[in-house]
Amino acid sequence: MREKTIEQKLAAAVKAKGGIAPKFVSPGFDGMPDRLVLLPDGRCGFVEVKAPGRKPRPLQNARIRLLMELGFRVFVLDDENQIPHILSEIGGGDG
């Protein structure tokens, strides 16, 4: 499965939960996660989407650590089966 396909499935699942998952672009600050997941009740998290079995690059890992140190929820998604768990963690609900 391609990264793009997993990313589309994530966006659809977020939409089904009443949220949005805009593509996150940060000019001048490379390595930020691909998607910002915004769910009802002010819940948010970042998701780095990868093709199955692929891992974040060193700069991406540094950005993930920075965001986590700031208190944000950050996830690496490389399998569509992880989506319910990620949304549950971000939304504070049952996925």
C-alpha atoms as a PDB file:
ATOM      1  CA  MET A   1       0.000   0.000   0.000  1.00  0.00           C
ATOM      2  CA  ARG A   2       1.296   3.438  -0.887  1.00  0.00           C
ATOM      3  CA  GLU A   3       1.783   6.305   1.559  1.00  0.00           C
ATOM      4  CA  LYS A   4      -0.759   8.381  -0.343  1.00  0.00           C
ATOM      5  CA  THR A   5      -3.409   5.666   0.094  1.00  0.00           C
ATOM      6  CA  ILE A   6      -2.817   5.472   3.854  1.00  0.00           C
ATOM      7  CA  GLU A   7      -2.970   9.267   4.059  1.00  0.00           C
ATOM      8  CA  GLN A   8      -6.315   9.298   2.216  1.00  0.00           C
ATOM      9  CA  LYS A   9      -7.713   6.657   4.574  1.00  0.00           C
ATOM     10  CA  LEU A  10      -6.602   8.726   7.561  1.00  0.00           C
ATOM     11  CA  ALA A  11      -8.300  11.851   6.192  1.00  0.00           C
ATOM     12  CA  ALA A  12     -11.523   9.917   5.534  1.00  0.00           C
ATOM     13  CA  ALA A  13     -11.532   8.404   9.034  1.00  0.00           C
ATOM     14  CA  VAL A  14     -10.980  11.815  10.608  1.00  0.00           C
ATOM     15  CA  LYS A  15     -13.822  13.273   8.551  1.00  0.00           C
ATOM     16  CA  ALA A  16     -16.094  10.420   9.686  1.00  0.00           C
ATOM     17  CA  LYS A  17     -15.347  11.474  13.287  1.00  0.00           C
ATOM     18  CA  GLY A  18     -16.430  15.047  12.526  1.00  0.00           C
ATOM     19  CA  GLY A  19     -12.914  16.422  12.221  1.00  0.00           C
ATOM     20  CA  ILE A  20     -10.469  17.551   9.593  1.00  0.00           C
ATOM     21  CA  ALA A  21      -6.942  16.437   8.716  1.00  0.00           C
ATOM     22  CA  PRO A  22      -5.340  19.191   6.661  1.00  0.00           C
ATOM     23  CA  LYS A  23      -1.993  18.639   5.035  1.00  0.00           C
ATOM     24  CA  PHE A  24       0.506  20.402   7.260  1.00  0.00           C
ATOM     25  CA  VAL A  25       3.088  22.488   5.401  1.00  0.00           C
ATOM     26  CA  SER A  26       5.629  24.557   7.298  1.00  0.00           C
ATOM     27  CA  PRO A  27       7.826  26.633   4.988  1.00  0.00           C
ATOM     28  CA  GLY A  28      11.239  27.234   6.481  1.00  0.00           C
ATOM     29  CA  PHE A  29      10.801  24.488   9.090  1.00  0.00           C
ATOM     30  CA  ASP A  30      11.342  21.187   7.313  1.00  0.00           C
ATOM     31  CA  GLY A  31      10.603  17.782   8.769  1.00  0.00           C
ATOM     32  CA  MET A  32       7.219  18.542  10.291  1.00  0.00           C
ATOM     33  CA  PRO A  33       4.583  15.758  10.265  1.00  0.00           C
ATOM     34  CA  ASP A  34       2.366  15.365   7.192  1.00  0.00           C
ATOM     35  CA  ARG A  35      -1.056  15.879   8.755  1.00  0.00           C
ATOM     36  CA  LEU A  36      -2.569  17.956  11.512  1.00  0.00           C
ATOM     37  CA  VAL A  37      -5.531  16.018  12.918  1.00  0.00           C
ATOM     38  CA  LEU A  38      -8.218  18.252  14.409  1.00  0.00           C
ATOM     39  CA  LEU A  39     -11.117  16.512  16.144  1.00  0.00           C
ATOM     40  CA  PRO A  40     -14.203  17.832  17.963  1.00  0.00           C
ATOM     41  CA  ASP A  41     -13.782  19.267  21.458  1.00  0.00           C
ATOM     42  CA  GLY A  42     -10.446  20.860  20.608  1.00  0.00           C
ATOM     43  CA  ARG A  43      -8.508  17.609  20.313  1.00  0.00           C
ATOM     44  CA  CYS A  44      -5.464  17.715  18.056  1.00  0.00           C
ATOM     45  CA  GLY A  45      -2.438  15.700  17.094  1.00  0.00           C
ATOM     46  CA  PHE A  46       0.183  15.363  14.395  1.00  0.00           C
ATOM     47  CA  VAL A  47       0.572  12.352  12.124  1.00  0.00           C
ATOM     48  CA  GLU A  48       3.607  11.484  10.012  1.00  0.00           C
ATOM     49  CA  VAL A  49       2.430   9.109   7.290  1.00  0.00           C
ATOM     50  CA  LYS A  50       4.834   6.567   5.836  1.00  0.00           C
ATOM     51  CA  ALA A  51       4.614   3.727   3.350  1.00  0.00           C
ATOM     52  CA  PRO A  52       4.395   0.341   5.098  1.00  0.00           C
ATOM     53  CA  GLY A  53       7.641  -0.500   6.869  1.00  0.00           C
ATOM     54  CA  ARG A  54       9.206   2.906   6.239  1.00  0.00           C
ATOM     55  CA  LYS A  55      10.575   4.972   9.113  1.00  0.00           C
ATOM     56  CA  PRO A  56      10.872   8.738   9.606  1.00  0.00           C
ATOM     57  CA  ARG A  57      14.082  10.426   8.482  1.00  0.00           C
ATOM     58  CA  PRO A  58      16.410  11.823  11.198  1.00  0.00           C
ATOM     59  CA  LEU A  59      15.090  15.382  10.778  1.00  0.00           C
ATOM     60  CA  GLN A  60      11.507  14.100  11.012  1.00  0.00           C
ATOM     61  CA  ASN A  61      12.404  12.229  14.219  1.00  0.00           C
ATOM     62  CA  ALA A  62      13.869  15.445  15.628  1.00  0.00           C
ATOM     63  CA  ARG A  63      10.648  17.345  14.848  1.00  0.00           C
ATOM     64  CA  ILE A  64       8.546  14.540  16.352  1.00  0.00           C
ATOM     65  CA  ARG A  65      10.611  14.703  19.561  1.00  0.00           C
ATOM     66  CA  LEU A  66      10.304  18.505  19.677  1.00  0.00           C
ATOM     67  CA  LEU A  67       6.525  18.399  19.303  1.00  0.00           C
ATOM     68  CA  MET A  68       6.228  15.687  21.954  1.00  0.00           C
ATOM     69  CA  GLU A  69       8.438  17.688  24.337  1.00  0.00           C
ATOM     70  CA  LEU A  70       6.008  20.579  23.828  1.00  0.00           C
ATOM     71  CA  GLY A  71       3.176  18.298  24.926  1.00  0.00           C
ATOM     72  CA  PHE A  72       1.596  17.429  21.574  1.00  0.00           C
ATOM     73  CA  ARG A  73       0.463  13.977  20.537  1.00  0.00           C
ATOM     74  CA  VAL A  74       2.490  12.796  17.541  1.00  0.00           C
ATOM     75  CA  PHE A  75       2.125   9.513  15.689  1.00  0.00           C
ATOM     76  CA  VAL A  76       3.885   7.692  12.867  1.00  0.00           C
ATOM     77  CA  LEU A  77       1.346   5.884  10.680  1.00  0.00           C
ATOM     78  CA  ASP A  78       2.509   3.167   8.270  1.00  0.00           C
ATOM     79  CA  ASP A  79      -0.458   0.786   8.394  1.00  0.00           C
ATOM     80  CA  GLU A  80      -4.114   1.691   7.923  1.00  0.00           C
ATOM     81  CA  ASN A  81      -4.990  -0.633  10.832  1.00  0.00           C
ATOM     82  CA  GLN A  82      -3.306   1.875  13.178  1.00  0.00           C
ATOM     83  CA  ILE A  83      -5.818   4.613  12.312  1.00  0.00           C
ATOM     84  CA  PRO A  84      -8.518   3.709  14.889  1.00  0.00           C
ATOM     85  CA  HIS A  85      -5.939   3.626  17.697  1.00  0.00           C
ATOM     86  CA  ILE A  86      -4.425   6.955  16.658  1.00  0.00           C
ATOM     87  CA  LEU A  87      -7.829   8.640  16.494  1.00  0.00           C
ATOM     88  CA  SER A  88      -8.752   7.180  19.860  1.00  0.00           C
ATOM     89  CA  GLU A  89      -5.551   8.543  21.400  1.00  0.00           C
ATOM     90  CA  ILE A  90      -6.092  11.998  19.887  1.00  0.00           C
ATOM     91  CA  GLY A  91      -9.834  12.110  20.532  1.00  0.00           C
ATOM     92  CA  GLY A  92      -9.774  10.643  23.985  1.00  0.00           C
ATOM     93  CA  GLY A  93     -12.504   8.204  22.942  1.00  0.00           C
ATOM     94  CA  ASP A  94     -13.013   4.745  21.559  1.00  0.00           C
ATOM     95  CA  GLY A  95     -11.443   5.323  18.135  1.00  0.00           C
END
